[in-house]
Amino acid sequence: MKKQRPVNLDLTTIKMHPAANASILHRVSGVIMVFAIGILLWTLSLSLSSAQGFEQIQAWLDGIFFKLIILGIISALAFHILMGVRHLFMDLGHFEELASGNASAKFCMALWFVLTVVVGVWLW
């Protein structure tokens, strides 16, 4: 029995709405935070091991590469928290319609962008 249904295997032609993008990025930010825990624990361990380790971490924090890593970690954490709160509201029955779900996703993404810019300015 052959089913006659459309098959679209070209993922570049599928247009997802903002709520779907927010959901996928929420999961990606969670994965980023898992790796961030390892980086942060490693730097904590190094800084607590000796005075030289602490000075080394301080020197790294002055560099642009480490500041970008910290900015990425804080940005992922902020995004995950904002989208997590959004999902909690959705669990309570709010923002479940397509229009309000897309609007809340756009609002949370805009707020996340502003927070990331503020943290970036604060780091530099």
PDB file of N, CA and C in Angstrom:
ATOM      1  N   MET A   1       0.846  -1.165   0.000  1.00  0.00           N
ATOM      2  CA  MET A   1       0.000   0.000   0.000  1.00  0.00           C
ATOM      3  C   MET A   1       0.901   1.241   0.000  1.00  0.00           C
ATOM      4  N   LYS A   2       0.775   2.050  -0.999  1.00  0.00           N
ATOM      5  CA  LYS A   2       1.590   3.249  -1.141  1.00  0.00           C
ATOM      6  C   LYS A   2       0.769   4.456  -0.697  1.00  0.00           C
ATOM      7  N   LYS A   3       1.343   5.215   0.232  1.00  0.00           N
ATOM      8  CA  LYS A   3       0.656   6.410   0.720  1.00  0.00           C
ATOM      9  C   LYS A   3       0.979   7.583  -0.195  1.00  0.00           C
ATOM     10  N   GLN A   4      -0.035   8.295  -0.557  1.00  0.00           N
ATOM     11  CA  GLN A   4       0.124   9.467  -1.415  1.00  0.00           C
ATOM     12  C   GLN A   4       0.114  10.730  -0.552  1.00  0.00           C
ATOM     13  N   ARG A   5       1.233  11.017   0.046  1.00  0.00           N
ATOM     14  CA  ARG A   5       1.339  12.227   0.845  1.00  0.00           C
ATOM     15  C   ARG A   5       2.581  12.996   0.420  1.00  0.00           C
ATOM     16  N   PRO A   6       2.570  14.292   0.578  1.00  0.00           N
ATOM     17  CA  PRO A   6       3.726  15.084   0.144  1.00  0.00           C
ATOM     18  C   PRO A   6       4.928  14.824   1.052  1.00  0.00           C
ATOM     19  N   VAL A   7       6.073  14.748   0.451  1.00  0.00           N
ATOM     20  CA  VAL A   7       7.314  14.545   1.181  1.00  0.00           C
ATOM     21  C   VAL A   7       8.247  15.698   0.833  1.00  0.00           C
ATOM     22  N   ASN A   8       8.670  16.429   1.845  1.00  0.00           N
ATOM     23  CA  ASN A   8       9.584  17.540   1.651  1.00  0.00           C
ATOM     24  C   ASN A   8      10.842  17.257   2.452  1.00  0.00           C
ATOM     25  N   LEU A   9      11.887  16.848   1.787  1.00  0.00           N
ATOM     26  CA  LEU A   9      13.132  16.539   2.466  1.00  0.00           C
ATOM     27  C   LEU A   9      14.119  17.703   2.457  1.00  0.00           C
ATOM     28  N   ASP A  10      13.779  18.793   1.781  1.00  0.00           N
ATOM     29  CA  ASP A  10      14.647  19.958   1.732  1.00  0.00           C
ATOM     30  C   ASP A  10      14.309  20.863   2.910  1.00  0.00           C
ATOM     31  N   LEU A  11      15.118  20.778   3.975  1.00  0.00           N
ATOM     32  CA  LEU A  11      14.825  21.524   5.194  1.00  0.00           C
ATOM     33  C   LEU A  11      15.018  23.024   5.035  1.00  0.00           C
ATOM     34  N   THR A  12      15.711  23.446   3.971  1.00  0.00           N
ATOM     35  CA  THR A  12      15.924  24.881   3.770  1.00  0.00           C
ATOM     36  C   THR A  12      14.660  25.577   3.265  1.00  0.00           C
ATOM     37  N   THR A  13      13.687  24.826   2.795  1.00  0.00           N
ATOM     38  CA  THR A  13      12.454  25.438   2.289  1.00  0.00           C
ATOM     39  C   THR A  13      11.374  25.532   3.359  1.00  0.00           C
ATOM     40  N   ILE A  14      11.585  24.931   4.505  1.00  0.00           N
ATOM     41  CA  ILE A  14      10.591  24.963   5.573  1.00  0.00           C
ATOM     42  C   ILE A  14      10.778  26.243   6.374  1.00  0.00           C
ATOM     43  N   LYS A  15       9.703  27.010   6.543  1.00  0.00           N
ATOM     44  CA  LYS A  15       9.765  28.240   7.321  1.00  0.00           C
ATOM     45  C   LYS A  15       9.117  27.982   8.677  1.00  0.00           C
ATOM     46  N   MET A  16       9.938  28.050   9.702  1.00  0.00           N
ATOM     47  CA  MET A  16       9.417  27.837  11.052  1.00  0.00           C
ATOM     48  C   MET A  16       9.038  29.176  11.668  1.00  0.00           C
ATOM     49  N   HIS A  17       8.065  29.156  12.537  1.00  0.00           N
ATOM     50  CA  HIS A  17       7.622  30.377  13.205  1.00  0.00           C
ATOM     51  C   HIS A  17       8.517  30.663  14.406  1.00  0.00           C
ATOM     52  N   PRO A  18       8.471  31.886  14.954  1.00  0.00           N
ATOM     53  CA  PRO A  18       9.363  32.268  16.051  1.00  0.00           C
ATOM     54  C   PRO A  18       9.258  31.374  17.291  1.00  0.00           C
ATOM     55  N   ALA A  19       8.078  30.879  17.593  1.00  0.00           N
ATOM     56  CA  ALA A  19       7.923  30.013  18.763  1.00  0.00           C
ATOM     57  C   ALA A  19       8.692  28.699  18.581  1.00  0.00           C
ATOM     58  N   ALA A  20       8.717  28.173  17.369  1.00  0.00           N
ATOM     59  CA  ALA A  20       9.472  26.948  17.101  1.00  0.00           C
ATOM     60  C   ALA A  20      10.974  27.210  17.209  1.00  0.00           C
ATOM     61  N   ASN A  21      11.415  28.341  16.658  1.00  0.00           N
ATOM     62  CA  ASN A  21      12.832  28.693  16.776  1.00  0.00           C
ATOM     63  C   ASN A  21      13.226  28.885  18.232  1.00  0.00           C
ATOM     64  N   ALA A  22      12.357  29.520  19.022  1.00  0.00           N
ATOM     65  CA  ALA A  22      12.644  29.736  20.438  1.00  0.00           C
ATOM     66  C   ALA A  22      12.755  28.411  21.181  1.00  0.00           C
ATOM     67  N   SER A  23      11.900  27.472  20.840  1.00  0.00           N
ATOM     68  CA  SER A  23      11.937  26.162  21.495  1.00  0.00           C
ATOM     69  C   SER A  23      13.228  25.413  21.177  1.00  0.00           C
ATOM     70  N   ILE A  24      13.632  25.455  19.923  1.00  0.00           N
ATOM     71  CA  ILE A  24      14.872  24.774  19.532  1.00  0.00           C
ATOM     72  C   ILE A  24      16.079  25.445  20.176  1.00  0.00           C
ATOM     73  N   LEU A  25      16.104  26.770  20.157  1.00  0.00           N
ATOM     74  CA  LEU A  25      17.225  27.492  20.759  1.00  0.00           C
ATOM     75  C   LEU A  25      17.264  27.322  22.277  1.00  0.00           C
ATOM     76  N   HIS A  26      16.105  27.106  22.903  1.00  0.00           N
ATOM     77  CA  HIS A  26      16.068  26.828  24.340  1.00  0.00           C
ATOM     78  C   HIS A  26      16.817  25.531  24.641  1.00  0.00           C
ATOM     79  N   ARG A  27      16.636  24.542  23.810  1.00  0.00           N
ATOM     80  CA  ARG A  27      17.354  23.275  23.982  1.00  0.00           C
ATOM     81  C   ARG A  27      18.840  23.439  23.705  1.00  0.00           C
ATOM     82  N   VAL A  28      19.180  24.217  22.684  1.00  0.00           N
ATOM     83  CA  VAL A  28      20.590  24.464  22.361  1.00  0.00           C
ATOM     84  C   VAL A  28      21.277  25.193  23.509  1.00  0.00           C
ATOM     85  N   SER A  29      20.599  26.171  24.099  1.00  0.00           N
ATOM     86  CA  SER A  29      21.200  26.897  25.221  1.00  0.00           C
ATOM     87  C   SER A  29      21.410  25.977  26.421  1.00  0.00           C
ATOM     88  N   GLY A  30      20.551  25.002  26.596  1.00  0.00           N
ATOM     89  CA  GLY A  30      20.745  24.023  27.662  1.00  0.00           C
ATOM     90  C   GLY A  30      21.993  23.182  27.438  1.00  0.00           C
ATOM     91  N   VAL A  31      22.222  22.781  26.200  1.00  0.00           N
ATOM     92  CA  VAL A  31      23.425  22.013  25.875  1.00  0.00           C
ATOM     93  C   VAL A  31      24.673  22.879  26.077  1.00  0.00           C
ATOM     94  N   ILE A  32      24.600  24.138  25.677  1.00  0.00           N
ATOM     95  CA  ILE A  32      25.731  25.045  25.873  1.00  0.00           C
ATOM     96  C   ILE A  32      26.047  25.179  27.361  1.00  0.00           C
ATOM     97  N   MET A  33      25.019  25.251  28.191  1.00  0.00           N
ATOM     98  CA  MET A  33      25.252  25.379  29.626  1.00  0.00           C
ATOM     99  C   MET A  33      25.881  24.124  30.230  1.00  0.00           C
ATOM    100  N   VAL A  34      25.598  22.967  29.673  1.00  0.00           N
ATOM    101  CA  VAL A  34      26.246  21.742  30.151  1.00  0.00           C
ATOM    102  C   VAL A  34      27.755  21.838  29.937  1.00  0.00           C
ATOM    103  N   PHE A  35      28.162  22.309  28.751  1.00  0.00           N
ATOM    104  CA  PHE A  35      29.589  22.486  28.499  1.00  0.00           C
ATOM    105  C   PHE A  35      30.161  23.634  29.324  1.00  0.00           C
ATOM    106  N   ALA A  36      29.349  24.657  29.584  1.00  0.00           N
ATOM    107  CA  ALA A  36      29.796  25.796  30.379  1.00  0.00           C
ATOM    108  C   ALA A  36      30.109  25.378  31.810  1.00  0.00           C
ATOM    109  N   ILE A  37      29.358  24.435  32.339  1.00  0.00           N
ATOM    110  CA  ILE A  37      29.625  23.950  33.692  1.00  0.00           C
ATOM    111  C   ILE A  37      31.036  23.381  33.772  1.00  0.00           C
ATOM    112  N   GLY A  38      31.441  22.637  32.759  1.00  0.00           N
ATOM    113  CA  GLY A  38      32.794  22.088  32.737  1.00  0.00           C
ATOM    114  C   GLY A  38      33.856  23.172  32.703  1.00  0.00           C
ATOM    115  N   ILE A  39      33.652  24.184  31.876  1.00  0.00           N
ATOM    116  CA  ILE A  39      34.611  25.291  31.781  1.00  0.00           C
ATOM    117  C   ILE A  39      34.693  26.036  33.106  1.00  0.00           C
ATOM    118  N   LEU A  40      33.542  26.335  33.694  1.00  0.00           N
ATOM    119  CA  LEU A  40      33.528  27.085  34.945  1.00  0.00           C
ATOM    120  C   LEU A  40      34.115  26.286  36.100  1.00  0.00           C
ATOM    121  N   LEU A  41      33.840  24.995  36.159  1.00  0.00           N
ATOM    122  CA  LEU A  41      34.436  24.166  37.207  1.00  0.00           C
ATOM    123  C   LEU A  41      35.948  24.057  37.044  1.00  0.00           C
ATOM    124  N   TRP A  42      36.405  23.973  35.805  1.00  0.00           N
ATOM    125  CA  TRP A  42      37.848  23.907  35.551  1.00  0.00           C
ATOM    126  C   TRP A  42      38.537  25.199  35.997  1.00  0.00           C
ATOM    127  N   THR A  43      37.960  26.356  35.657  1.00  0.00           N
ATOM    128  CA  THR A  43      38.561  27.625  36.073  1.00  0.00           C
ATOM    129  C   THR A  43      38.500  27.796  37.588  1.00  0.00           C
ATOM    130  N   LEU A  44      37.423  27.333  38.226  1.00  0.00           N
ATOM    131  CA  LEU A  44      37.337  27.391  39.685  1.00  0.00           C
ATOM    132  C   LEU A  44      38.411  26.524  40.321  1.00  0.00           C
ATOM    133  N   SER A  45      38.577  25.317  39.804  1.00  0.00           N
ATOM    134  CA  SER A  45      39.591  24.415  40.331  1.00  0.00           C
ATOM    135  C   SER A  45      40.990  25.004  40.175  1.00  0.00           C
ATOM    136  N   LEU A  46      41.262  25.588  39.028  1.00  0.00           N
ATOM    137  CA  LEU A  46      42.575  26.188  38.785  1.00  0.00           C
ATOM    138  C   LEU A  46      42.809  27.388  39.691  1.00  0.00           C
ATOM    139  N   SER A  47      41.781  28.199  39.896  1.00  0.00           N
ATOM    140  CA  SER A  47      41.962  29.392  40.722  1.00  0.00           C
ATOM    141  C   SER A  47      42.110  29.055  42.202  1.00  0.00           C
ATOM    142  N   LEU A  48      41.535  27.938  42.639  1.00  0.00           N
ATOM    143  CA  LEU A  48      41.641  27.545  44.043  1.00  0.00           C
ATOM    144  C   LEU A  48      42.877  26.697  44.339  1.00  0.00           C
ATOM    145  N   SER A  49      43.554  26.233  43.297  1.00  0.00           N
ATOM    146  CA  SER A  49      44.690  25.338  43.506  1.00  0.00           C
ATOM    147  C   SER A  49      45.902  26.054  44.088  1.00  0.00           C
ATOM    148  N   SER A  50      46.159  27.274  43.629  1.00  0.00           N
ATOM    149  CA  SER A  50      47.323  28.014  44.135  1.00  0.00           C
ATOM    150  C   SER A  50      47.157  29.492  43.808  1.00  0.00           C
ATOM    151  N   ALA A  51      48.069  30.285  44.341  1.00  0.00           N
ATOM    152  CA  ALA A  51      48.031  31.727  44.054  1.00  0.00           C
ATOM    153  C   ALA A  51      48.372  31.979  42.591  1.00  0.00           C
ATOM    154  N   GLN A  52      49.266  31.161  42.030  1.00  0.00           N
ATOM    155  CA  GLN A  52      49.614  31.325  40.623  1.00  0.00           C
ATOM    156  C   GLN A  52      48.424  30.993  39.718  1.00  0.00           C
ATOM    157  N   GLY A  53      47.644  30.002  40.109  1.00  0.00           N
ATOM    158  CA  GLY A  53      46.462  29.642  39.334  1.00  0.00           C
ATOM    159  C   GLY A  53      45.440  30.760  39.343  1.00  0.00           C
ATOM    160  N   PHE A  54      45.277  31.401  40.504  1.00  0.00           N
ATOM    161  CA  PHE A  54      44.347  32.520  40.599  1.00  0.00           C
ATOM    162  C   PHE A  54      44.809  33.687  39.728  1.00  0.00           C
ATOM    163  N   GLU A  55      46.094  33.973  39.754  1.00  0.00           N
ATOM    164  CA  GLU A  55      46.637  35.047  38.927  1.00  0.00           C
ATOM    165  C   GLU A  55      46.507  34.727  37.443  1.00  0.00           C
ATOM    166  N   GLN A  56      46.646  33.448  37.106  1.00  0.00           N
ATOM    167  CA  GLN A  56      46.501  33.035  35.711  1.00  0.00           C
ATOM    168  C   GLN A  56      45.063  33.256  35.229  1.00  0.00           C
ATOM    169  N   ILE A  57      44.098  32.898  36.065  1.00  0.00           N
ATOM    170  CA  ILE A  57      42.698  33.105  35.703  1.00  0.00           C
ATOM    171  C   ILE A  57      42.407  34.602  35.574  1.00  0.00           C
ATOM    172  N   GLN A  58      42.954  35.411  36.476  1.00  0.00           N
ATOM    173  CA  GLN A  58      42.766  36.862  36.367  1.00  0.00           C
ATOM    174  C   GLN A  58      43.346  37.399  35.072  1.00  0.00           C
ATOM    175  N   ALA A  59      44.512  36.896  34.682  1.00  0.00           N
ATOM    176  CA  ALA A  59      45.122  37.337  33.417  1.00  0.00           C
ATOM    177  C   ALA A  59      44.262  36.907  32.227  1.00  0.00           C
ATOM    178  N   TRP A  60      43.706  35.706  32.287  1.00  0.00           N
ATOM    179  CA  TRP A  60      42.842  35.248  31.197  1.00  0.00           C
ATOM    180  C   TRP A  60      41.585  36.103  31.090  1.00  0.00           C
ATOM    181  N   LEU A  61      41.046  36.521  32.235  1.00  0.00           N
ATOM    182  CA  LEU A  61      39.829  37.334  32.224  1.00  0.00           C
ATOM    183  C   LEU A  61      40.047  38.694  31.577  1.00  0.00           C
ATOM    184  N   ASP A  62      41.300  39.148  31.518  1.00  0.00           N
ATOM    185  CA  ASP A  62      41.600  40.423  30.853  1.00  0.00           C
ATOM    186  C   ASP A  62      41.646  40.273  29.336  1.00  0.00           C
ATOM    187  N   GLY A  63      41.773  39.050  28.844  1.00  0.00           N
ATOM    188  CA  GLY A  63      41.858  38.814  27.404  1.00  0.00           C
ATOM    189  C   GLY A  63      40.490  38.761  26.748  1.00  0.00           C
ATOM    190  N   ILE A  64      40.473  39.064  25.463  1.00  0.00           N
ATOM    191  CA  ILE A  64      39.205  39.120  24.724  1.00  0.00           C
ATOM    192  C   ILE A  64      38.601  37.729  24.527  1.00  0.00           C
ATOM    193  N   PHE A  65      39.442  36.704  24.351  1.00  0.00           N
ATOM    194  CA  PHE A  65      38.932  35.350  24.113  1.00  0.00           C
ATOM    195  C   PHE A  65      38.122  34.858  25.305  1.00  0.00           C
ATOM    196  N   PHE A  66      38.668  35.024  26.500  1.00  0.00           N
ATOM    197  CA  PHE A  66      37.973  34.556  27.693  1.00  0.00           C
ATOM    198  C   PHE A  66      36.725  35.391  27.965  1.00  0.00           C
ATOM    199  N   LYS A  67      36.784  36.685  27.645  1.00  0.00           N
ATOM    200  CA  LYS A  67      35.592  37.520  27.814  1.00  0.00           C
ATOM    201  C   LYS A  67      34.476  37.072  26.878  1.00  0.00           C
ATOM    202  N   LEU A  68      34.836  36.660  25.673  1.00  0.00           N
ATOM    203  CA  LEU A  68      33.827  36.145  24.746  1.00  0.00           C
ATOM    204  C   LEU A  68      33.216  34.848  25.259  1.00  0.00           C
ATOM    205  N   ILE A  69      34.043  34.003  25.868  1.00  0.00           N
ATOM    206  CA  ILE A  69      33.523  32.757  26.439  1.00  0.00           C
ATOM    207  C   ILE A  69      32.560  33.067  27.580  1.00  0.00           C
ATOM    208  N   ILE A  70      32.942  33.975  28.457  1.00  0.00           N
ATOM    209  CA  ILE A  70      32.068  34.353  29.574  1.00  0.00           C
ATOM    210  C   ILE A  70      30.778  34.992  29.056  1.00  0.00           C
ATOM    211  N   LEU A  71      30.894  35.841  28.039  1.00  0.00           N
ATOM    212  CA  LEU A  71      29.704  36.454  27.438  1.00  0.00           C
ATOM    213  C   LEU A  71      28.781  35.386  26.857  1.00  0.00           C
ATOM    214  N   GLY A  72      29.352  34.395  26.193  1.00  0.00           N
ATOM    215  CA  GLY A  72      28.545  33.308  25.641  1.00  0.00           C
ATOM    216  C   GLY A  72      27.841  32.503  26.717  1.00  0.00           C
ATOM    217  N   ILE A  73      28.550  32.244  27.811  1.00  0.00           N
ATOM    218  CA  ILE A  73      27.954  31.478  28.911  1.00  0.00           C
ATOM    219  C   ILE A  73      26.806  32.262  29.546  1.00  0.00           C
ATOM    220  N   ILE A  74      27.045  33.535  29.827  1.00  0.00           N
ATOM    221  CA  ILE A  74      26.001  34.353  30.447  1.00  0.00           C
ATOM    222  C   ILE A  74      24.820  34.538  29.491  1.00  0.00           C
ATOM    223  N   SER A  75      25.118  34.691  28.214  1.00  0.00           N
ATOM    224  CA  SER A  75      24.064  34.843  27.219  1.00  0.00           C
ATOM    225  C   SER A  75      23.203  33.582  27.135  1.00  0.00           C
ATOM    226  N   ALA A  76      23.843  32.417  27.127  1.00  0.00           N
ATOM    227  CA  ALA A  76      23.089  31.156  27.085  1.00  0.00           C
ATOM    228  C   ALA A  76      22.252  30.979  28.340  1.00  0.00           C
ATOM    229  N   LEU A  77      22.809  31.357  29.480  1.00  0.00           N
ATOM    230  CA  LEU A  77      22.064  31.250  30.734  1.00  0.00           C
ATOM    231  C   LEU A  77      20.857  32.180  30.734  1.00  0.00           C
ATOM    232  N   ALA A  78      21.048  33.420  30.278  1.00  0.00           N
ATOM    233  CA  ALA A  78      19.939  34.371  30.224  1.00  0.00           C
ATOM    234  C   ALA A  78      18.849  33.882  29.277  1.00  0.00           C
ATOM    235  N   PHE A  79      19.237  33.380  28.101  1.00  0.00           N
ATOM    236  CA  PHE A  79      18.255  32.884  27.144  1.00  0.00           C
ATOM    237  C   PHE A  79      17.488  31.707  27.738  1.00  0.00           C
ATOM    238  N   HIS A  80      18.210  30.795  28.371  1.00  0.00           N
ATOM    239  CA  HIS A  80      17.567  29.602  28.924  1.00  0.00           C
ATOM    240  C   HIS A  80      16.581  29.974  30.033  1.00  0.00           C
ATOM    241  N   ILE A  81      16.962  30.937  30.864  1.00  0.00           N
ATOM    242  CA  ILE A  81      16.066  31.365  31.941  1.00  0.00           C
ATOM    243  C   ILE A  81      14.826  32.049  31.365  1.00  0.00           C
ATOM    244  N   LEU A  82      15.016  32.975  30.419  1.00  0.00           N
ATOM    245  CA  LEU A  82      13.870  33.680  29.831  1.00  0.00           C
ATOM    246  C   LEU A  82      12.909  32.716  29.144  1.00  0.00           C
ATOM    247  N   MET A  83      13.454  31.810  28.348  1.00  0.00           N
ATOM    248  CA  MET A  83      12.584  30.861  27.654  1.00  0.00           C
ATOM    249  C   MET A  83      11.975  29.848  28.618  1.00  0.00           C
ATOM    250  N   GLY A  84      12.696  29.530  29.693  1.00  0.00           N
ATOM    251  CA  GLY A  84      12.139  28.642  30.704  1.00  0.00           C
ATOM    252  C   GLY A  84      10.947  29.268  31.404  1.00  0.00           C
ATOM    253  N   VAL A  85      11.046  30.558  31.719  1.00  0.00           N
ATOM    254  CA  VAL A  85       9.917  31.266  32.328  1.00  0.00           C
ATOM    255  C   VAL A  85       8.757  31.327  31.340  1.00  0.00           C
ATOM    256  N   ARG A  86       9.070  31.549  30.075  1.00  0.00           N
ATOM    257  CA  ARG A  86       8.027  31.549  29.040  1.00  0.00           C
ATOM    258  C   ARG A  86       7.314  30.195  28.990  1.00  0.00           C
ATOM    259  N   HIS A  87       8.088  29.116  29.056  1.00  0.00           N
ATOM    260  CA  HIS A  87       7.488  27.777  29.044  1.00  0.00           C
ATOM    261  C   HIS A  87       6.655  27.525  30.299  1.00  0.00           C
ATOM    262  N   LEU A  88       7.082  28.076  31.438  1.00  0.00           N
ATOM    263  CA  LEU A  88       6.276  27.930  32.649  1.00  0.00           C
ATOM    264  C   LEU A  88       4.923  28.615  32.486  1.00  0.00           C
ATOM    265  N   PHE A  89       4.922  29.818  31.873  1.00  0.00           N
ATOM    266  CA  PHE A  89       3.655  30.486  31.605  1.00  0.00           C
ATOM    267  C   PHE A  89       2.804  29.666  30.639  1.00  0.00           C
ATOM    268  N   MET A  90       3.446  29.036  29.665  1.00  0.00           N
ATOM    269  CA  MET A  90       2.696  28.198  28.731  1.00  0.00           C
ATOM    270  C   MET A  90       2.095  26.989  29.451  1.00  0.00           C
ATOM    271  N   ASP A  91       2.814  26.447  30.434  1.00  0.00           N
ATOM    272  CA  ASP A  91       2.269  25.337  31.217  1.00  0.00           C
ATOM    273  C   ASP A  91       1.060  25.759  32.029  1.00  0.00           C
ATOM    274  N   LEU A  92       0.991  27.049  32.363  1.00  0.00           N
ATOM    275  CA  LEU A  92      -0.162  27.562  33.111  1.00  0.00           C
ATOM    276  C   LEU A  92      -1.333  27.916  32.200  1.00  0.00           C
ATOM    277  N   GLY A  93      -1.150  27.770  30.889  1.00  0.00           N
ATOM    278  CA  GLY A  93      -2.239  28.001  29.952  1.00  0.00           C
ATOM    279  C   GLY A  93      -2.169  29.312  29.196  1.00  0.00           C
ATOM    280  N   HIS A  94      -1.092  30.067  29.361  1.00  0.00           N
ATOM    281  CA  HIS A  94      -0.939  31.347  28.663  1.00  0.00           C
ATOM    282  C   HIS A  94      -0.075  31.153  27.417  1.00  0.00           C
ATOM    283  N   PHE A  95      -0.242  32.014  26.436  1.00  0.00           N
ATOM    284  CA  PHE A  95       0.580  32.036  25.214  1.00  0.00           C
ATOM    285  C   PHE A  95       0.540  30.719  24.440  1.00  0.00           C
ATOM    286  N   GLU A  96      -0.581  30.027  24.485  1.00  0.00           N
ATOM    287  CA  GLU A  96      -0.677  28.748  23.788  1.00  0.00           C
ATOM    288  C   GLU A  96      -1.158  28.885  22.350  1.00  0.00           C
ATOM    289  N   GLU A  97      -1.798  30.005  22.014  1.00  0.00           N
ATOM    290  CA  GLU A  97      -2.246  30.218  20.647  1.00  0.00           C
ATOM    291  C   GLU A  97      -1.048  30.632  19.803  1.00  0.00           C
ATOM    292  N   LEU A  98      -1.176  30.472  18.496  1.00  0.00           N
ATOM    293  CA  LEU A  98      -0.059  30.758  17.601  1.00  0.00           C
ATOM    294  C   LEU A  98       0.380  32.216  17.682  1.00  0.00           C
ATOM    295  N   ALA A  99      -0.554  33.130  17.648  1.00  0.00           N
ATOM    296  CA  ALA A  99      -0.199  34.563  17.651  1.00  0.00           C
ATOM    297  C   ALA A  99       0.448  34.980  18.962  1.00  0.00           C
ATOM    298  N   SER A 100      -0.157  34.597  20.089  1.00  0.00           N
ATOM    299  CA  SER A 100       0.416  34.989  21.377  1.00  0.00           C
ATOM    300  C   SER A 100       1.711  34.236  21.661  1.00  0.00           C
ATOM    301  N   GLY A 101       1.827  32.998  21.192  1.00  0.00           N
ATOM    302  CA  GLY A 101       3.075  32.247  21.352  1.00  0.00           C
ATOM    303  C   GLY A 101       4.218  32.876  20.574  1.00  0.00           C
ATOM    304  N   ASN A 102       3.929  33.296  19.346  1.00  0.00           N
ATOM    305  CA  ASN A 102       4.952  33.972  18.548  1.00  0.00           C
ATOM    306  C   ASN A 102       5.326  35.321  19.146  1.00  0.00           C
ATOM    307  N   ALA A 103       4.327  36.050  19.651  1.00  0.00           N
ATOM    308  CA  ALA A 103       4.602  37.354  20.260  1.00  0.00           C
ATOM    309  C   ALA A 103       5.455  37.206  21.514  1.00  0.00           C
ATOM    310  N   SER A 104       5.154  36.208  22.347  1.00  0.00           N
ATOM    311  CA  SER A 104       5.949  36.009  23.558  1.00  0.00           C
ATOM    312  C   SER A 104       7.358  35.548  23.212  1.00  0.00           C
ATOM    313  N   ALA A 105       7.502  34.746  22.171  1.00  0.00           N
ATOM    314  CA  ALA A 105       8.829  34.309  21.750  1.00  0.00           C
ATOM    315  C   ALA A 105       9.652  35.488  21.246  1.00  0.00           C
ATOM    316  N   LYS A 106       9.033  36.352  20.439  1.00  0.00           N
ATOM    317  CA  LYS A 106       9.728  37.541  19.939  1.00  0.00           C
ATOM    318  C   LYS A 106      10.113  38.470  21.083  1.00  0.00           C
ATOM    319  N   PHE A 107       9.209  38.642  22.054  1.00  0.00           N
ATOM    320  CA  PHE A 107       9.498  39.503  23.201  1.00  0.00           C
ATOM    321  C   PHE A 107      10.680  38.959  24.014  1.00  0.00           C
ATOM    322  N   CYS A 108      10.660  37.653  24.281  1.00  0.00           N
ATOM    323  CA  CYS A 108      11.748  37.051  25.057  1.00  0.00           C
ATOM    324  C   CYS A 108      13.070  37.126  24.307  1.00  0.00           C
ATOM    325  N   MET A 109      13.047  36.930  22.988  1.00  0.00           N
ATOM    326  CA  MET A 109      14.285  37.039  22.212  1.00  0.00           C
ATOM    327  C   MET A 109      14.813  38.470  22.201  1.00  0.00           C
ATOM    328  N   ALA A 110      13.920  39.447  22.109  1.00  0.00           N
ATOM    329  CA  ALA A 110      14.347  40.848  22.143  1.00  0.00           C
ATOM    330  C   ALA A 110      14.923  41.198  23.513  1.00  0.00           C
ATOM    331  N   LEU A 111      14.283  40.736  24.574  1.00  0.00           N
ATOM    332  CA  LEU A 111      14.787  40.971  25.923  1.00  0.00           C
ATOM    333  C   LEU A 111      16.137  40.298  26.123  1.00  0.00           C
ATOM    334  N   TRP A 112      16.290  39.093  25.590  1.00  0.00           N
ATOM    335  CA  TRP A 112      17.567  38.384  25.675  1.00  0.00           C
ATOM    336  C   TRP A 112      18.661  39.162  24.945  1.00  0.00           C
ATOM    337  N   PHE A 113      18.351  39.694  23.779  1.00  0.00           N
ATOM    338  CA  PHE A 113      19.336  40.468  23.022  1.00  0.00           C
ATOM    339  C   PHE A 113      19.771  41.705  23.811  1.00  0.00           C
ATOM    340  N   VAL A 114      18.820  42.399  24.410  1.00  0.00           N
ATOM    341  CA  VAL A 114      19.146  43.581  25.211  1.00  0.00           C
ATOM    342  C   VAL A 114      20.011  43.195  26.404  1.00  0.00           C
ATOM    343  N   LEU A 115      19.662  42.121  27.093  1.00  0.00           N
ATOM    344  CA  LEU A 115      20.463  41.665  28.235  1.00  0.00           C
ATOM    345  C   LEU A 115      21.871  41.274  27.816  1.00  0.00           C
ATOM    346  N   THR A 116      22.003  40.635  26.655  1.00  0.00           N
ATOM    347  CA  THR A 116      23.322  40.245  26.173  1.00  0.00           C
ATOM    348  C   THR A 116      24.165  41.475  25.861  1.00  0.00           C
ATOM    349  N   VAL A 117      23.567  42.481  25.264  1.00  0.00           N
ATOM    350  CA  VAL A 117      24.292  43.723  24.975  1.00  0.00           C
ATOM    351  C   VAL A 117      24.724  44.404  26.270  1.00  0.00           C
ATOM    352  N   VAL A 118      23.837  44.441  27.247  1.00  0.00           N
ATOM    353  CA  VAL A 118      24.171  45.066  28.543  1.00  0.00           C
ATOM    354  C   VAL A 118      25.324  44.326  29.211  1.00  0.00           C
ATOM    355  N   VAL A 119      25.290  43.013  29.203  1.00  0.00           N
ATOM    356  CA  VAL A 119      26.365  42.224  29.811  1.00  0.00           C
ATOM    357  C   VAL A 119      27.672  42.423  29.026  1.00  0.00           C
ATOM    358  N   GLY A 120      27.576  42.495  27.694  1.00  0.00           N
ATOM    359  CA  GLY A 120      28.759  42.731  26.876  1.00  0.00           C
ATOM    360  C   GLY A 120      29.398  44.076  27.185  1.00  0.00           C
ATOM    361  N   VAL A 121      28.591  45.098  27.341  1.00  0.00           N
ATOM    362  CA  VAL A 121      29.120  46.419  27.701  1.00  0.00           C
ATOM    363  C   VAL A 121      29.720  46.380  29.093  1.00  0.00           C
ATOM    364  N   TRP A 122      29.080  45.670  30.008  1.00  0.00           N
ATOM    365  CA  TRP A 122      29.580  45.555  31.381  1.00  0.00           C
ATOM    366  C   TRP A 122      30.933  44.820  31.419  1.00  0.00           C
ATOM    367  N   LEU A 123      31.103  43.786  30.595  1.00  0.00           N
ATOM    368  CA  LEU A 123      32.361  43.035  30.579  1.00  0.00           C
ATOM    369  C   LEU A 123      33.512  43.869  30.040  1.00  0.00           C
ATOM    370  N   TRP A 124      33.213  44.729  29.077  1.00  0.00           N
ATOM    371  CA  TRP A 124      34.275  45.553  28.514  1.00  0.00           C
ATOM    372  C   TRP A 124      34.242  46.920  29.155  1.00  0.00           C
TER     373      TRP A 124
END
